[in-house]
Amino acid sequence: MKIVVNVFLKAGVLDSQGKAVHHALESLHFNNVSDVRIGKQIVMNMNENDEKKAMADATKMCEELLANTVIEDYTIELVK
């Protein structure tokens, strides 16, 4: 089964990469963009048939490795 994890900075954490992209967009005259936040997406194929177990394992992966939970939040999506 496929698991999609999206990791992004928590609200209130400065996103310097997002600010740089926002500034670049403005310099290219895309003035309708009010804010940019940069994150990462991790797509995994898991050899697991139990959805609850797959979600539990993905959560543990996020908590232990994939996300810095001090400054980042994450979402996990099961793709069938």
PDB file of N, CA and C in Angstrom:
ATOM      1  N   MET A   1       0.842  -1.173   0.000  1.00  0.00           N
ATOM      2  CA  MET A   1       0.000   0.000   0.000  1.00  0.00           C
ATOM      3  C   MET A   1       0.880   1.225   0.000  1.00  0.00           C
ATOM      4  N   LYS A   2       0.347   2.308  -0.534  1.00  0.00           N
ATOM      5  CA  LYS A   2       1.114   3.540  -0.663  1.00  0.00           C
ATOM      6  C   LYS A   2       0.736   4.498   0.464  1.00  0.00           C
ATOM      7  N   ILE A   3       1.764   5.083   1.080  1.00  0.00           N
ATOM      8  CA  ILE A   3       1.599   6.086   2.129  1.00  0.00           C
ATOM      9  C   ILE A   3       2.248   7.374   1.635  1.00  0.00           C
ATOM     10  N   VAL A   4       1.529   8.489   1.779  1.00  0.00           N
ATOM     11  CA  VAL A   4       2.063   9.803   1.428  1.00  0.00           C
ATOM     12  C   VAL A   4       2.154  10.630   2.701  1.00  0.00           C
ATOM     13  N   VAL A   5       3.355  11.093   2.998  1.00  0.00           N
ATOM     14  CA  VAL A   5       3.599  11.911   4.180  1.00  0.00           C
ATOM     15  C   VAL A   5       3.972  13.313   3.710  1.00  0.00           C
ATOM     16  N   ASN A   6       3.268  14.312   4.218  1.00  0.00           N
ATOM     17  CA  ASN A   6       3.598  15.708   3.950  1.00  0.00           C
ATOM     18  C   ASN A   6       4.120  16.316   5.242  1.00  0.00           C
ATOM     19  N   VAL A   7       5.308  16.902   5.172  1.00  0.00           N
ATOM     20  CA  VAL A   7       5.952  17.521   6.322  1.00  0.00           C
ATOM     21  C   VAL A   7       6.079  19.009   6.037  1.00  0.00           C
ATOM     22  N   PHE A   8       5.697  19.830   7.012  1.00  0.00           N
ATOM     23  CA  PHE A   8       5.723  21.282   6.819  1.00  0.00           C
ATOM     24  C   PHE A   8       6.007  21.961   8.148  1.00  0.00           C
ATOM     25  N   LEU A   9       6.557  23.172   8.060  1.00  0.00           N
ATOM     26  CA  LEU A   9       6.882  23.922   9.263  1.00  0.00           C
ATOM     27  C   LEU A   9       5.619  24.308  10.014  1.00  0.00           C
ATOM     28  N   LYS A  10       5.706  24.280  11.336  1.00  0.00           N
ATOM     29  CA  LYS A  10       4.582  24.696  12.166  1.00  0.00           C
ATOM     30  C   LYS A  10       4.321  26.188  11.966  1.00  0.00           C
ATOM     31  N   ALA A  11       3.083  26.585  12.196  1.00  0.00           N
ATOM     32  CA  ALA A  11       2.716  28.001  12.123  1.00  0.00           C
ATOM     33  C   ALA A  11       3.591  28.768  13.116  1.00  0.00           C
ATOM     34  N   GLY A  12       4.080  29.899  12.700  1.00  0.00           N
ATOM     35  CA  GLY A  12       4.905  30.720  13.570  1.00  0.00           C
ATOM     36  C   GLY A  12       6.390  30.467  13.427  1.00  0.00           C
ATOM     37  N   VAL A  13       6.779  29.367  12.773  1.00  0.00           N
ATOM     38  CA  VAL A  13       8.191  29.089  12.531  1.00  0.00           C
ATOM     39  C   VAL A  13       8.596  29.783  11.241  1.00  0.00           C
ATOM     40  N   LEU A  14       9.660  30.571  11.296  1.00  0.00           N
ATOM     41  CA  LEU A  14      10.130  31.316  10.126  1.00  0.00           C
ATOM     42  C   LEU A  14      10.521  30.349   9.010  1.00  0.00           C
ATOM     43  N   ASP A  15       9.991  30.578   7.834  1.00  0.00           N
ATOM     44  CA  ASP A  15      10.289  29.763   6.664  1.00  0.00           C
ATOM     45  C   ASP A  15      11.120  30.609   5.706  1.00  0.00           C
ATOM     46  N   SER A  16      12.424  30.632   5.906  1.00  0.00           N
ATOM     47  CA  SER A  16      13.291  31.478   5.080  1.00  0.00           C
ATOM     48  C   SER A  16      13.289  31.046   3.624  1.00  0.00           C
ATOM     49  N   GLN A  17      13.167  29.766   3.372  1.00  0.00           N
ATOM     50  CA  GLN A  17      13.091  29.276   1.995  1.00  0.00           C
ATOM     51  C   GLN A  17      11.799  29.748   1.337  1.00  0.00           C
ATOM     52  N   GLY A  18      10.709  29.685   2.066  1.00  0.00           N
ATOM     53  CA  GLY A  18       9.438  30.180   1.550  1.00  0.00           C
ATOM     54  C   GLY A  18       9.478  31.673   1.263  1.00  0.00           C
ATOM     55  N   LYS A  19      10.116  32.434   2.158  1.00  0.00           N
ATOM     56  CA  LYS A  19      10.256  33.884   1.949  1.00  0.00           C
ATOM     57  C   LYS A  19      11.061  34.176   0.691  1.00  0.00           C
ATOM     58  N   ALA A  20      12.138  33.416   0.470  1.00  0.00           N
ATOM     59  CA  ALA A  20      12.967  33.617  -0.720  1.00  0.00           C
ATOM     60  C   ALA A  20      12.174  33.331  -1.993  1.00  0.00           C
ATOM     61  N   VAL A  21      11.385  32.259  -1.975  1.00  0.00           N
ATOM     62  CA  VAL A  21      10.567  31.929  -3.148  1.00  0.00           C
ATOM     63  C   VAL A  21       9.498  33.002  -3.360  1.00  0.00           C
ATOM     64  N   HIS A  22       8.886  33.463  -2.276  1.00  0.00           N
ATOM     65  CA  HIS A  22       7.878  34.515  -2.385  1.00  0.00           C
ATOM     66  C   HIS A  22       8.478  35.771  -3.003  1.00  0.00           C
ATOM     67  N   HIS A  23       9.656  36.153  -2.543  1.00  0.00           N
ATOM     68  CA  HIS A  23      10.330  37.335  -3.094  1.00  0.00           C
ATOM     69  C   HIS A  23      10.631  37.137  -4.586  1.00  0.00           C
ATOM     70  N   ALA A  24      11.096  35.931  -4.950  1.00  0.00           N
ATOM     71  CA  ALA A  24      11.394  35.645  -6.358  1.00  0.00           C
ATOM     72  C   ALA A  24      10.133  35.713  -7.212  1.00  0.00           C
ATOM     73  N   LEU A  25       9.026  35.208  -6.689  1.00  0.00           N
ATOM     74  CA  LEU A  25       7.761  35.284  -7.436  1.00  0.00           C
ATOM     75  C   LEU A  25       7.335  36.728  -7.648  1.00  0.00           C
ATOM     76  N   GLU A  26       7.482  37.544  -6.611  1.00  0.00           N
ATOM     77  CA  GLU A  26       7.155  38.966  -6.757  1.00  0.00           C
ATOM     78  C   GLU A  26       8.043  39.628  -7.802  1.00  0.00           C
ATOM     79  N   SER A  27       9.323  39.266  -7.835  1.00  0.00           N
ATOM     80  CA  SER A  27      10.229  39.867  -8.826  1.00  0.00           C
ATOM     81  C   SER A  27       9.868  39.442 -10.246  1.00  0.00           C
ATOM     82  N   LEU A  28       9.151  38.326 -10.362  1.00  0.00           N
ATOM     83  CA  LEU A  28       8.666  37.866 -11.667  1.00  0.00           C
ATOM     84  C   LEU A  28       7.244  38.357 -11.944  1.00  0.00           C
ATOM     85  N   HIS A  29       6.790  39.298 -11.117  1.00  0.00           N
ATOM     86  CA  HIS A  29       5.489  39.960 -11.260  1.00  0.00           C
ATOM     87  C   HIS A  29       4.298  39.054 -10.956  1.00  0.00           C
ATOM     88  N   PHE A  30       4.503  38.037 -10.121  1.00  0.00           N
ATOM     89  CA  PHE A  30       3.384  37.245  -9.612  1.00  0.00           C
ATOM     90  C   PHE A  30       2.969  37.871  -8.278  1.00  0.00           C
ATOM     91  N   ASN A  31       2.275  38.985  -8.366  1.00  0.00           N
ATOM     92  CA  ASN A  31       1.954  39.762  -7.175  1.00  0.00           C
ATOM     93  C   ASN A  31       0.695  39.288  -6.456  1.00  0.00           C
ATOM     94  N   ASN A  32       0.035  38.276  -6.966  1.00  0.00           N
ATOM     95  CA  ASN A  32      -1.186  37.783  -6.328  1.00  0.00           C
ATOM     96  C   ASN A  32      -0.906  36.693  -5.291  1.00  0.00           C
ATOM     97  N   VAL A  33       0.358  36.385  -5.042  1.00  0.00           N
ATOM     98  CA  VAL A  33       0.737  35.386  -4.037  1.00  0.00           C
ATOM     99  C   VAL A  33       1.013  36.119  -2.730  1.00  0.00           C
ATOM    100  N   SER A  34       0.298  35.759  -1.669  1.00  0.00           N
ATOM    101  CA  SER A  34       0.457  36.485  -0.406  1.00  0.00           C
ATOM    102  C   SER A  34       1.442  35.815   0.554  1.00  0.00           C
ATOM    103  N   ASP A  35       1.685  34.516   0.401  1.00  0.00           N
ATOM    104  CA  ASP A  35       2.601  33.827   1.303  1.00  0.00           C
ATOM    105  C   ASP A  35       3.026  32.517   0.668  1.00  0.00           C
ATOM    106  N   VAL A  36       4.229  32.073   0.971  1.00  0.00           N
ATOM    107  CA  VAL A  36       4.739  30.800   0.468  1.00  0.00           C
ATOM    108  C   VAL A  36       5.354  30.045   1.637  1.00  0.00           C
ATOM    109  N   ARG A  37       4.999  28.785   1.771  1.00  0.00           N
ATOM    110  CA  ARG A  37       5.593  27.897   2.774  1.00  0.00           C
ATOM    111  C   ARG A  37       6.135  26.686   2.023  1.00  0.00           C
ATOM    112  N   ILE A  38       7.344  26.293   2.339  1.00  0.00           N
ATOM    113  CA  ILE A  38       7.991  25.167   1.680  1.00  0.00           C
ATOM    114  C   ILE A  38       7.939  23.964   2.616  1.00  0.00           C
ATOM    115  N   GLY A  39       7.627  22.813   2.063  1.00  0.00           N
ATOM    116  CA  GLY A  39       7.605  21.578   2.832  1.00  0.00           C
ATOM    117  C   GLY A  39       8.230  20.460   2.024  1.00  0.00           C
ATOM    118  N   LYS A  40       8.002  19.247   2.469  1.00  0.00           N
ATOM    119  CA  LYS A  40       8.508  18.101   1.729  1.00  0.00           C
ATOM    120  C   LYS A  40       7.451  17.004   1.720  1.00  0.00           C
ATOM    121  N   GLN A  41       7.495  16.186   0.689  1.00  0.00           N
ATOM    122  CA  GLN A  41       6.561  15.072   0.567  1.00  0.00           C
ATOM    123  C   GLN A  41       7.364  13.790   0.432  1.00  0.00           C
ATOM    124  N   ILE A  42       6.977  12.799   1.210  1.00  0.00           N
ATOM    125  CA  ILE A  42       7.629  11.493   1.179  1.00  0.00           C
ATOM    126  C   ILE A  42       6.568  10.475   0.770  1.00  0.00           C
ATOM    127  N   VAL A  43       6.828   9.732  -0.291  1.00  0.00           N
ATOM    128  CA  VAL A  43       5.900   8.712  -0.778  1.00  0.00           C
ATOM    129  C   VAL A  43       6.560   7.355  -0.570  1.00  0.00           C
ATOM    130  N   MET A  44       5.859   6.472   0.135  1.00  0.00           N
ATOM    131  CA  MET A  44       6.408   5.150   0.452  1.00  0.00           C
ATOM    132  C   MET A  44       5.440   4.068   0.018  1.00  0.00           C
ATOM    133  N   ASN A  45       5.979   3.006  -0.545  1.00  0.00           N
ATOM    134  CA  ASN A  45       5.213   1.790  -0.797  1.00  0.00           C
ATOM    135  C   ASN A  45       5.545   0.832   0.334  1.00  0.00           C
ATOM    136  N   MET A  46       4.525   0.424   1.065  1.00  0.00           N
ATOM    137  CA  MET A  46       4.728  -0.455   2.208  1.00  0.00           C
ATOM    138  C   MET A  46       4.153  -1.839   1.913  1.00  0.00           C
ATOM    139  N   ASN A  47       4.875  -2.850   2.337  1.00  0.00           N
ATOM    140  CA  ASN A  47       4.404  -4.234   2.224  1.00  0.00           C
ATOM    141  C   ASN A  47       3.592  -4.554   3.469  1.00  0.00           C
ATOM    142  N   GLU A  48       2.407  -3.989   3.514  1.00  0.00           N
ATOM    143  CA  GLU A  48       1.524  -4.143   4.673  1.00  0.00           C
ATOM    144  C   GLU A  48       0.090  -4.138   4.169  1.00  0.00           C
ATOM    145  N   ASN A  49      -0.713  -5.092   4.627  1.00  0.00           N
ATOM    146  CA  ASN A  49      -2.112  -5.170   4.220  1.00  0.00           C
ATOM    147  C   ASN A  49      -3.059  -4.583   5.255  1.00  0.00           C
ATOM    148  N   ASP A  50      -2.597  -4.445   6.473  1.00  0.00           N
ATOM    149  CA  ASP A  50      -3.417  -3.906   7.560  1.00  0.00           C
ATOM    150  C   ASP A  50      -3.265  -2.386   7.587  1.00  0.00           C
ATOM    151  N   GLU A  51      -4.352  -1.671   7.261  1.00  0.00           N
ATOM    152  CA  GLU A  51      -4.303  -0.214   7.183  1.00  0.00           C
ATOM    153  C   GLU A  51      -3.919   0.434   8.510  1.00  0.00           C
ATOM    154  N   LYS A  52      -4.467  -0.078   9.609  1.00  0.00           N
ATOM    155  CA  LYS A  52      -4.155   0.490  10.931  1.00  0.00           C
ATOM    156  C   LYS A  52      -2.676   0.314  11.259  1.00  0.00           C
ATOM    157  N   LYS A  53      -2.126  -0.833  10.937  1.00  0.00           N
ATOM    158  CA  LYS A  53      -0.701  -1.091  11.187  1.00  0.00           C
ATOM    159  C   LYS A  53       0.157  -0.190  10.308  1.00  0.00           C
ATOM    160  N   ALA A  54      -0.222  -0.029   9.039  1.00  0.00           N
ATOM    161  CA  ALA A  54       0.535   0.838   8.135  1.00  0.00           C
ATOM    162  C   ALA A  54       0.530   2.286   8.637  1.00  0.00           C
ATOM    163  N   MET A  55      -0.624   2.772   9.081  1.00  0.00           N
ATOM    164  CA  MET A  55      -0.705   4.137   9.605  1.00  0.00           C
ATOM    165  C   MET A  55       0.107   4.279  10.890  1.00  0.00           C
ATOM    166  N   ALA A  56       0.047   3.276  11.750  1.00  0.00           N
ATOM    167  CA  ALA A  56       0.819   3.310  12.997  1.00  0.00           C
ATOM    168  C   ALA A  56       2.320   3.328  12.694  1.00  0.00           C
ATOM    169  N   ASP A  57       2.742   2.494  11.747  1.00  0.00           N
ATOM    170  CA  ASP A  57       4.157   2.468  11.377  1.00  0.00           C
ATOM    171  C   ASP A  57       4.591   3.801  10.765  1.00  0.00           C
ATOM    172  N   ALA A  58       3.764   4.366   9.899  1.00  0.00           N
ATOM    173  CA  ALA A  58       4.090   5.645   9.274  1.00  0.00           C
ATOM    174  C   ALA A  58       4.178   6.753  10.323  1.00  0.00           C
ATOM    175  N   THR A  59       3.278   6.727  11.291  1.00  0.00           N
ATOM    176  CA  THR A  59       3.318   7.714  12.367  1.00  0.00           C
ATOM    177  C   THR A  59       4.619   7.589  13.151  1.00  0.00           C
ATOM    178  N   LYS A  60       4.999   6.374  13.463  1.00  0.00           N
ATOM    179  CA  LYS A  60       6.247   6.152  14.198  1.00  0.00           C
ATOM    180  C   LYS A  60       7.444   6.632  13.381  1.00  0.00           C
ATOM    181  N   MET A  61       7.428   6.385  12.070  1.00  0.00           N
ATOM    182  CA  MET A  61       8.506   6.859  11.195  1.00  0.00           C
ATOM    183  C   MET A  61       8.613   8.387  11.241  1.00  0.00           C
ATOM    184  N   CYS A  62       7.460   9.048  11.204  1.00  0.00           N
ATOM    185  CA  CYS A  62       7.449  10.513  11.254  1.00  0.00           C
ATOM    186  C   CYS A  62       7.992  11.023  12.576  1.00  0.00           C
ATOM    187  N   GLU A  63       7.545  10.426  13.651  1.00  0.00           N
ATOM    188  CA  GLU A  63       7.956  10.862  14.987  1.00  0.00           C
ATOM    189  C   GLU A  63       9.445  10.621  15.240  1.00  0.00           C
ATOM    190  N   GLU A  64       9.998   9.560  14.653  1.00  0.00           N
ATOM    191  CA  GLU A  64      11.376   9.195  14.940  1.00  0.00           C
ATOM    192  C   GLU A  64      12.382   9.672  13.896  1.00  0.00           C
ATOM    193  N   LEU A  65      11.937   9.930  12.652  1.00  0.00           N
ATOM    194  CA  LEU A  65      12.911  10.234  11.607  1.00  0.00           C
ATOM    195  C   LEU A  65      12.465  11.292  10.599  1.00  0.00           C
ATOM    196  N   LEU A  66      11.276  11.136  10.059  1.00  0.00           N
ATOM    197  CA  LEU A  66      10.897  11.937   8.894  1.00  0.00           C
ATOM    198  C   LEU A  66      10.584  13.391   9.198  1.00  0.00           C
ATOM    199  N   ALA A  67      10.141  13.695  10.413  1.00  0.00           N
ATOM    200  CA  ALA A  67       9.790  15.070  10.777  1.00  0.00           C
ATOM    201  C   ALA A  67      10.517  15.474  12.053  1.00  0.00           C
ATOM    202  N   ASN A  68      10.921  16.717  12.103  1.00  0.00           N
ATOM    203  CA  ASN A  68      11.448  17.293  13.339  1.00  0.00           C
ATOM    204  C   ASN A  68      10.250  17.884  14.062  1.00  0.00           C
ATOM    205  N   THR A  69       9.668  17.111  14.958  1.00  0.00           N
ATOM    206  CA  THR A  69       8.377  17.487  15.549  1.00  0.00           C
ATOM    207  C   THR A  69       8.449  18.703  16.458  1.00  0.00           C
ATOM    208  N   VAL A  70       9.636  19.207  16.729  1.00  0.00           N
ATOM    209  CA  VAL A  70       9.765  20.453  17.491  1.00  0.00           C
ATOM    210  C   VAL A  70       9.308  21.627  16.634  1.00  0.00           C
ATOM    211  N   ILE A  71       9.656  21.598  15.343  1.00  0.00           N
ATOM    212  CA  ILE A  71       9.334  22.729  14.462  1.00  0.00           C
ATOM    213  C   ILE A  71       8.459  22.345  13.279  1.00  0.00           C
ATOM    214  N   GLU A  72       8.193  21.050  13.088  1.00  0.00           N
ATOM    215  CA  GLU A  72       7.430  20.610  11.925  1.00  0.00           C
ATOM    216  C   GLU A  72       6.195  19.807  12.323  1.00  0.00           C
ATOM    217  N   ASP A  73       5.152  19.944  11.524  1.00  0.00           N
ATOM    218  CA  ASP A  73       3.964  19.104  11.605  1.00  0.00           C
ATOM    219  C   ASP A  73       3.974  18.196  10.392  1.00  0.00           C
ATOM    220  N   TYR A  74       3.113  17.195  10.413  1.00  0.00           N
ATOM    221  CA  TYR A  74       3.028  16.289   9.265  1.00  0.00           C
ATOM    222  C   TYR A  74       1.606  15.759   9.131  1.00  0.00           C
ATOM    223  N   THR A  75       1.295  15.337   7.921  1.00  0.00           N
ATOM    224  CA  THR A  75       0.055  14.621   7.663  1.00  0.00           C
ATOM    225  C   THR A  75       0.423  13.306   6.978  1.00  0.00           C
ATOM    226  N   ILE A  76      -0.417  12.312   7.208  1.00  0.00           N
ATOM    227  CA  ILE A  76      -0.206  11.004   6.598  1.00  0.00           C
ATOM    228  C   ILE A  76      -1.463  10.626   5.838  1.00  0.00           C
ATOM    229  N   GLU A  77      -1.282  10.213   4.603  1.00  0.00           N
ATOM    230  CA  GLU A  77      -2.418   9.819   3.768  1.00  0.00           C
ATOM    231  C   GLU A  77      -2.178   8.414   3.225  1.00  0.00           C
ATOM    232  N   LEU A  78      -3.175   7.581   3.368  1.00  0.00           N
ATOM    233  CA  LEU A  78      -3.143   6.236   2.818  1.00  0.00           C
ATOM    234  C   LEU A  78      -3.778   6.292   1.428  1.00  0.00           C
ATOM    235  N   VAL A  79      -3.031   5.875   0.420  1.00  0.00           N
ATOM    236  CA  VAL A  79      -3.525   5.888  -0.959  1.00  0.00           C
ATOM    237  C   VAL A  79      -3.809   4.467  -1.377  1.00  0.00           C
ATOM    238  N   LYS A  80      -5.070   4.219  -1.738  1.00  0.00           N
ATOM    239  CA  LYS A  80      -5.450   2.853  -2.125  1.00  0.00           C
ATOM    240  C   LYS A  80      -5.331   2.661  -3.614  1.00  0.00           C
TER     241      LYS A  80
END
